[in-house]
C-alpha atoms as a PDB file:
ATOM      1  CA  MET A   1      28.137 -37.520 -15.023  1.00  0.00           C
ATOM      2  CA  ALA A   2      27.797 -35.878 -11.622  1.00  0.00           C
ATOM      3  CA  ASN A   3      28.556 -32.209 -11.113  1.00  0.00           C
ATOM      4  CA  LYS A   4      32.230 -31.510 -10.623  1.00  0.00           C
ATOM      5  CA  LYS A   5      33.207 -31.135  -6.979  1.00  0.00           C
ATOM      6  CA  PRO A   6      34.999 -27.830  -6.293  1.00  0.00           C
ATOM      7  CA  GLY A   7      38.011 -29.468  -4.671  1.00  0.00           C
ATOM      8  CA  TYR A   8      39.358 -32.737  -3.380  1.00  0.00           C
ATOM      9  CA  GLN A   9      37.539 -34.943  -0.924  1.00  0.00           C
ATOM     10  CA  ARG A  10      37.649 -38.561   0.125  1.00  0.00           C
ATOM     11  CA  ILE A  11      34.717 -40.590  -1.137  1.00  0.00           C
ATOM     12  CA  ASP A  12      33.013 -42.575   1.651  1.00  0.00           C
ATOM     13  CA  GLU A  13      29.377 -42.287   0.566  1.00  0.00           C
ATOM     14  CA  TYR A  14      27.982 -43.386  -2.774  1.00  0.00           C
ATOM     15  CA  ASP A  15      24.837 -42.903  -4.787  1.00  0.00           C
ATOM     16  CA  THR A  16      22.709 -45.929  -3.885  1.00  0.00           C
ATOM     17  CA  GLU A  17      21.049 -46.190  -7.286  1.00  0.00           C
ATOM     18  CA  SER A  18      24.396 -46.194  -9.094  1.00  0.00           C
ATOM     19  CA  VAL A  19      25.930 -48.743  -6.702  1.00  0.00           C
ATOM     20  CA  ASP A  20      22.923 -51.045  -7.081  1.00  0.00           C
ATOM     21  CA  ALA A  21      23.088 -50.841 -10.877  1.00  0.00           C
ATOM     22  CA  ILE A  22      26.795 -51.729 -10.932  1.00  0.00           C
ATOM     23  CA  ALA A  23      26.321 -54.489  -8.333  1.00  0.00           C
ATOM     24  CA  ASN A  24      23.594 -56.111 -10.442  1.00  0.00           C
ATOM     25  CA  GLN A  25      25.968 -56.230 -13.384  1.00  0.00           C
ATOM     26  CA  TYR A  26      28.659 -57.854 -11.274  1.00  0.00           C
ATOM     27  CA  SER A  27      26.206 -60.508 -10.076  1.00  0.00           C
ATOM     28  CA  THR A  28      25.796 -61.440 -13.733  1.00  0.00           C
ATOM     29  CA  VAL A  29      29.583 -61.441 -14.221  1.00  0.00           C
ATOM     30  CA  LEU A  30      30.003 -63.869 -11.312  1.00  0.00           C
ATOM     31  CA  LYS A  31      27.500 -66.229 -12.909  1.00  0.00           C
ATOM     32  CA  GLU A  32      29.196 -65.976 -16.301  1.00  0.00           C
ATOM     33  CA  ILE A  33      32.607 -66.981 -14.913  1.00  0.00           C
ATOM     34  CA  GLY A  34      31.063 -70.034 -13.262  1.00  0.00           C
ATOM     35  CA  GLU A  35      30.530 -68.763  -9.710  1.00  0.00           C
ATOM     36  CA  ASP A  36      27.443 -68.756  -7.527  1.00  0.00           C
ATOM     37  CA  PRO A  37      26.707 -65.178  -6.388  1.00  0.00           C
ATOM     38  CA  ASN A  38      24.405 -66.582  -3.695  1.00  0.00           C
ATOM     39  CA  ARG A  39      27.059 -68.519  -1.821  1.00  0.00           C
ATOM     40  CA  GLU A  40      28.111 -67.087   1.539  1.00  0.00           C
ATOM     41  CA  GLY A  41      31.459 -65.644   0.536  1.00  0.00           C
ATOM     42  CA  LEU A  42      30.033 -63.813  -2.484  1.00  0.00           C
ATOM     43  CA  LEU A  43      26.745 -62.463  -1.124  1.00  0.00           C
ATOM     44  CA  LYS A  44      28.125 -58.944  -0.596  1.00  0.00           C
ATOM     45  CA  THR A  45      30.818 -59.082  -3.283  1.00  0.00           C
ATOM     46  CA  PRO A  46      28.881 -57.286  -6.053  1.00  0.00           C
ATOM     47  CA  GLU A  47      28.121 -54.389  -3.709  1.00  0.00           C
ATOM     48  CA  ARG A  48      31.719 -54.252  -2.465  1.00  0.00           C
ATOM     49  CA  VAL A  49      33.061 -54.267  -6.020  1.00  0.00           C
ATOM     50  CA  ALA A  50      30.604 -51.551  -7.035  1.00  0.00           C
ATOM     51  CA  LYS A  51      31.715 -49.295  -4.181  1.00  0.00           C
ATOM     52  CA  ALA A  52      35.377 -50.039  -4.903  1.00  0.00           C
ATOM     53  CA  LEU A  53      34.884 -49.160  -8.561  1.00  0.00           C
ATOM     54  CA  LYS A  54      33.124 -45.911  -7.672  1.00  0.00           C
ATOM     55  CA  TYR A  55      36.040 -44.970  -5.415  1.00  0.00           C
ATOM     56  CA  LEU A  56      38.694 -45.972  -7.945  1.00  0.00           C
ATOM     57  CA  THR A  57      37.043 -43.760 -10.567  1.00  0.00           C
ATOM     58  CA  HIS A  58      35.931 -40.835  -8.388  1.00  0.00           C
ATOM     59  CA  GLY A  59      38.242 -38.532 -10.323  1.00  0.00           C
ATOM     60  CA  TYR A  60      35.432 -38.032 -12.823  1.00  0.00           C
ATOM     61  CA  ASP A  61      33.637 -35.990 -10.154  1.00  0.00           C
ATOM     62  CA  LEU A  62      36.637 -33.758  -9.409  1.00  0.00           C
ATOM     63  CA  ASP A  63      37.767 -30.597 -11.179  1.00  0.00           C
ATOM     64  CA  PRO A  64      41.600 -30.641 -11.125  1.00  0.00           C
ATOM     65  CA  ALA A  65      41.896 -27.035 -12.298  1.00  0.00           C
ATOM     66  CA  GLU A  66      39.644 -25.882  -9.461  1.00  0.00           C
ATOM     67  CA  ILE A  67      41.815 -27.833  -7.026  1.00  0.00           C
ATOM     68  CA  LEU A  68      44.769 -25.700  -8.154  1.00  0.00           C
ATOM     69  CA  ARG A  69      42.798 -22.452  -8.196  1.00  0.00           C
ATOM     70  CA  SER A  70      41.746 -23.014  -4.584  1.00  0.00           C
ATOM     71  CA  ALA A  71      45.305 -22.401  -3.364  1.00  0.00           C
ATOM     72  CA  LEU A  72      47.094 -19.928  -5.645  1.00  0.00           C
ATOM     73  CA  PHE A  73      49.395 -17.341  -4.069  1.00  0.00           C
ATOM     74  CA  GLN A  74      51.337 -14.380  -5.433  1.00  0.00           C
ATOM     75  CA  GLU A  75      55.035 -14.984  -4.876  1.00  0.00           C
ATOM     76  CA  ASP A  76      58.190 -13.676  -6.558  1.00  0.00           C
ATOM     77  CA  TYR A  77      59.932 -17.051  -6.812  1.00  0.00           C
ATOM     78  CA  LYS A  78      61.351 -18.232 -10.126  1.00  0.00           C
ATOM     79  CA  GLN A  79      63.238 -21.423  -9.241  1.00  0.00           C
ATOM     80  CA  MET A  80      62.083 -24.976  -9.690  1.00  0.00           C
ATOM     81  CA  VAL A  81      59.364 -26.337  -7.407  1.00  0.00           C
ATOM     82  CA  LEU A  82      59.432 -30.142  -7.408  1.00  0.00           C
ATOM     83  CA  VAL A  83      57.138 -32.653  -5.735  1.00  0.00           C
ATOM     84  CA  LYS A  84      58.484 -36.118  -6.411  1.00  0.00           C
ATOM     85  CA  ASP A  85      57.645 -39.709  -5.514  1.00  0.00           C
ATOM     86  CA  ILE A  86      53.905 -39.019  -5.482  1.00  0.00           C
ATOM     87  CA  GLU A  87      52.126 -42.342  -5.048  1.00  0.00           C
ATOM     88  CA  MET A  88      49.823 -42.910  -7.993  1.00  0.00           C
ATOM     89  CA  TYR A  89      47.114 -45.529  -8.539  1.00  0.00           C
ATOM     90  CA  SER A  90      44.995 -45.804 -11.648  1.00  0.00           C
ATOM     91  CA  MET A  91      43.129 -48.300 -13.832  1.00  0.00           C
ATOM     92  CA  CYS A  92      44.012 -49.203 -17.410  1.00  0.00           C
ATOM     93  CA  GLU A  93      41.064 -48.416 -19.662  1.00  0.00           C
ATOM     94  CA  HIS A  94      41.851 -51.364 -21.939  1.00  0.00           C
ATOM     95  CA  HIS A  95      41.495 -54.162 -19.370  1.00  0.00           C
ATOM     96  CA  MET A  96      40.315 -52.310 -16.245  1.00  0.00           C
ATOM     97  CA  LEU A  97      43.296 -53.649 -14.342  1.00  0.00           C
ATOM     98  CA  PRO A  98      45.394 -51.453 -12.026  1.00  0.00           C
ATOM     99  CA  PHE A  99      48.572 -49.641 -12.857  1.00  0.00           C
ATOM    100  CA  PHE A 100      50.479 -47.889 -10.110  1.00  0.00           C
ATOM    101  CA  GLY A 101      53.740 -46.181  -9.358  1.00  0.00           C
ATOM    102  CA  LYS A 102      55.144 -42.709  -8.789  1.00  0.00           C
ATOM    103  CA  ALA A 103      54.653 -39.307 -10.358  1.00  0.00           C
ATOM    104  CA  HIS A 104      57.271 -36.556 -10.288  1.00  0.00           C
ATOM    105  CA  VAL A 105      55.936 -33.067 -10.983  1.00  0.00           C
ATOM    106  CA  ALA A 106      57.865 -29.790 -11.235  1.00  0.00           C
ATOM    107  CA  TYR A 107      57.117 -26.260 -12.340  1.00  0.00           C
ATOM    108  CA  ILE A 108      58.916 -22.935 -12.418  1.00  0.00           C
ATOM    109  CA  PRO A 109      56.600 -20.145 -11.199  1.00  0.00           C
ATOM    110  CA  ASP A 110      55.966 -16.904 -13.003  1.00  0.00           C
ATOM    111  CA  GLY A 111      54.555 -14.777 -10.194  1.00  0.00           C
ATOM    112  CA  ARG A 112      52.227 -17.388  -8.709  1.00  0.00           C
ATOM    113  CA  ILE A 113      52.797 -20.544  -6.681  1.00  0.00           C
ATOM    114  CA  VAL A 114      50.314 -23.215  -5.628  1.00  0.00           C
ATOM    115  CA  GLY A 115      49.908 -24.941  -2.269  1.00  0.00           C
ATOM    116  CA  LEU A 116      52.148 -27.993  -2.376  1.00  0.00           C
ATOM    117  CA  SER A 117      49.430 -30.456  -1.367  1.00  0.00           C
ATOM    118  CA  LYS A 118      47.429 -29.521  -4.458  1.00  0.00           C
ATOM    119  CA  ILE A 119      49.924 -31.132  -6.812  1.00  0.00           C
ATOM    120  CA  PRO A 120      49.451 -34.681  -5.444  1.00  0.00           C
ATOM    121  CA  ARG A 121      45.722 -34.009  -5.375  1.00  0.00           C
ATOM    122  CA  ILE A 122      45.506 -33.213  -9.070  1.00  0.00           C
ATOM    123  CA  VAL A 123      47.620 -36.301  -9.812  1.00  0.00           C
ATOM    124  CA  ASP A 124      45.020 -38.295  -7.896  1.00  0.00           C
ATOM    125  CA  ALA A 125      42.094 -36.500  -9.568  1.00  0.00           C
ATOM    126  CA  PHE A 126      43.317 -37.499 -13.017  1.00  0.00           C
ATOM    127  CA  ALA A 127      44.559 -40.957 -11.984  1.00  0.00           C
ATOM    128  CA  ARG A 128      41.226 -41.967 -10.408  1.00  0.00           C
ATOM    129  CA  ARG A 129      39.673 -42.468 -13.832  1.00  0.00           C
ATOM    130  CA  LEU A 130      40.012 -45.082 -16.538  1.00  0.00           C
ATOM    131  CA  GLN A 131      43.336 -44.073 -18.033  1.00  0.00           C
ATOM    132  CA  VAL A 132      46.340 -44.771 -20.168  1.00  0.00           C
ATOM    133  CA  GLN A 133      49.638 -43.636 -18.692  1.00  0.00           C
ATOM    134  CA  GLU A 134      50.511 -41.486 -21.682  1.00  0.00           C
ATOM    135  CA  ARG A 135      47.316 -39.422 -21.460  1.00  0.00           C
ATOM    136  CA  LEU A 136      47.563 -39.174 -17.678  1.00  0.00           C
ATOM    137  CA  THR A 137      51.025 -37.622 -18.028  1.00  0.00           C
ATOM    138  CA  TYR A 138      49.785 -35.009 -20.506  1.00  0.00           C
ATOM    139  CA  GLU A 139      46.664 -34.187 -18.486  1.00  0.00           C
ATOM    140  CA  ILE A 140      48.670 -33.403 -15.343  1.00  0.00           C
ATOM    141  CA  ARG A 141      51.115 -31.262 -17.329  1.00  0.00           C
ATOM    142  CA  ASP A 142      48.428 -29.352 -19.222  1.00  0.00           C
ATOM    143  CA  CYS A 143      46.317 -28.691 -16.129  1.00  0.00           C
ATOM    144  CA  ILE A 144      49.253 -27.067 -14.322  1.00  0.00           C
ATOM    145  CA  GLN A 145      50.365 -25.132 -17.401  1.00  0.00           C
ATOM    146  CA  ASP A 146      46.891 -23.830 -18.253  1.00  0.00           C
ATOM    147  CA  THR A 147      45.869 -22.966 -14.679  1.00  0.00           C
ATOM    148  CA  LEU A 148      49.081 -21.683 -13.110  1.00  0.00           C
ATOM    149  CA  LYS A 149      50.702 -20.236 -16.262  1.00  0.00           C
ATOM    150  CA  PRO A 150      54.247 -21.032 -15.080  1.00  0.00           C
ATOM    151  CA  ILE A 151      57.492 -20.649 -17.021  1.00  0.00           C
ATOM    152  CA  GLY A 152      57.516 -24.402 -17.536  1.00  0.00           C
ATOM    153  CA  VAL A 153      56.140 -27.731 -16.300  1.00  0.00           C
ATOM    154  CA  ALA A 154      57.754 -31.168 -16.132  1.00  0.00           C
ATOM    155  CA  VAL A 155      55.993 -34.451 -15.386  1.00  0.00           C
ATOM    156  CA  VAL A 156      57.456 -37.958 -15.245  1.00  0.00           C
ATOM    157  CA  ILE A 157      55.458 -41.045 -14.305  1.00  0.00           C
ATOM    158  CA  GLU A 158      56.953 -44.465 -13.569  1.00  0.00           C
ATOM    159  CA  ALA A 159      54.392 -47.254 -13.287  1.00  0.00           C
ATOM    160  CA  GLN A 160      53.858 -50.986 -13.221  1.00  0.00           C
ATOM    161  CA  HIS A 161      50.892 -52.318 -15.185  1.00  0.00           C
ATOM    162  CA  MET A 162      48.957 -55.356 -14.029  1.00  0.00           C
ATOM    163  CA  CYS A 163      47.732 -55.920 -17.591  1.00  0.00           C
ATOM    164  CA  MET A 164      51.382 -56.690 -18.459  1.00  0.00           C
ATOM    165  CA  GLN A 165      52.258 -58.550 -15.259  1.00  0.00           C
ATOM    166  CA  MET A 166      49.163 -60.684 -14.572  1.00  0.00           C
ATOM    167  CA  ARG A 167      48.187 -61.460 -18.165  1.00  0.00           C
ATOM    168  CA  GLY A 168      49.508 -61.018 -21.691  1.00  0.00           C
ATOM    169  CA  VAL A 169      53.315 -61.011 -21.742  1.00  0.00           C
ATOM    170  CA  GLN A 170      53.462 -61.528 -17.942  1.00  0.00           C
ATOM    171  CA  LYS A 171      56.639 -59.514 -17.396  1.00  0.00           C
ATOM    172  CA  GLN A 172      56.656 -58.912 -13.643  1.00  0.00           C
ATOM    173  CA  ASN A 173      59.679 -56.609 -13.544  1.00  0.00           C
ATOM    174  CA  SER A 174      58.666 -54.225 -16.317  1.00  0.00           C
ATOM    175  CA  VAL A 175      58.258 -50.519 -15.530  1.00  0.00           C
ATOM    176  CA  THR A 176      56.809 -47.972 -17.960  1.00  0.00           C
ATOM    177  CA  THR A 177      58.119 -44.393 -17.884  1.00  0.00           C
ATOM    178  CA  THR A 178      56.387 -41.461 -19.557  1.00  0.00           C
ATOM    179  CA  SER A 179      57.351 -37.795 -19.582  1.00  0.00           C
ATOM    180  CA  ALA A 180      55.894 -34.477 -20.676  1.00  0.00           C
ATOM    181  CA  PHE A 181      57.395 -30.980 -20.641  1.00  0.00           C
ATOM    182  CA  THR A 182      56.450 -27.398 -21.425  1.00  0.00           C
ATOM    183  CA  GLY A 183      58.283 -24.092 -21.611  1.00  0.00           C
ATOM    184  CA  VAL A 184      61.758 -23.902 -20.184  1.00  0.00           C
ATOM    185  CA  PHE A 185      61.898 -27.645 -19.463  1.00  0.00           C
ATOM    186  CA  MET A 186      61.453 -28.311 -23.161  1.00  0.00           C
ATOM    187  CA  LYS A 187      63.674 -25.510 -24.459  1.00  0.00           C
ATOM    188  CA  GLU A 188      66.612 -25.601 -22.031  1.00  0.00           C
ATOM    189  CA  THR A 189      68.596 -28.820 -21.702  1.00  0.00           C
ATOM    190  CA  LYS A 190      70.216 -27.756 -18.409  1.00  0.00           C
ATOM    191  CA  THR A 191      66.860 -27.164 -16.721  1.00  0.00           C
ATOM    192  CA  ARG A 192      65.521 -30.504 -17.919  1.00  0.00           C
ATOM    193  CA  GLU A 193      68.701 -32.261 -16.777  1.00  0.00           C
ATOM    194  CA  GLU A 194      68.421 -30.618 -13.341  1.00  0.00           C
ATOM    195  CA  PHE A 195      64.879 -31.993 -13.043  1.00  0.00           C
ATOM    196  CA  ILE A 196      65.959 -35.491 -14.097  1.00  0.00           C
ATOM    197  CA  ASN A 197      68.893 -35.420 -11.665  1.00  0.00           C
ATOM    198  CA  LEU A 198      66.672 -34.304  -8.784  1.00  0.00           C
ATOM    199  CA  ILE A 199      64.082 -37.046  -9.301  1.00  0.00           C
ATOM    200  CA  SER A 200      66.855 -39.631  -9.615  1.00  0.00           C
ATOM    201  CA  THR A 201      68.722 -38.567  -6.453  1.00  0.00           C
ATOM    202  CA  LYS A 202      67.777 -39.462  -2.894  1.00  0.00           C
ATOM    203  CA  LEU A 203      68.156 -36.263  -0.876  1.00  0.00           C
ATOM    204  CA  HIS A 204      66.657 -37.563   2.367  1.00  0.00           C
END
């Protein structure tokens, strides 16, 4: 595995050796499903798929905790900070098919706040790996709790899974919701209800 990058960055360049290795495997896959990898429309497909896969899993090269630590600020604010409707794209580790939706993340500071853009970035850092939604929810929660040390953290993810919609039970309208809480969100019903009400209400 490559060294962890200190923050978040868009991936536009890829290790040639790694891309070539993945592309060679996909050439074999095309043959095995009955295609001709040498026909015009598929000549560059293995390379394109390899680069797409490297991008879709570039979270392995990111350090989510370092992303948070890069923008921590002392602030005497002890009310809920919520970033909701964060677009989220990931890949199911069981079938390597996409699942996507929205993440809602809140925390209550205890002397330190984090730059707001860092919350969507750590969602992306964890999502851009082979995942299951349940683990993704816990990883986001634990990263914020362990790094920021807030009074509490709340995470809810709502997602549609292509492994359920394109294959298997083929239920196109199904949505999976997962949640994870720490601290005051777990102990105090009113705080948790406030969070749920806020993510359910359109304020803009």
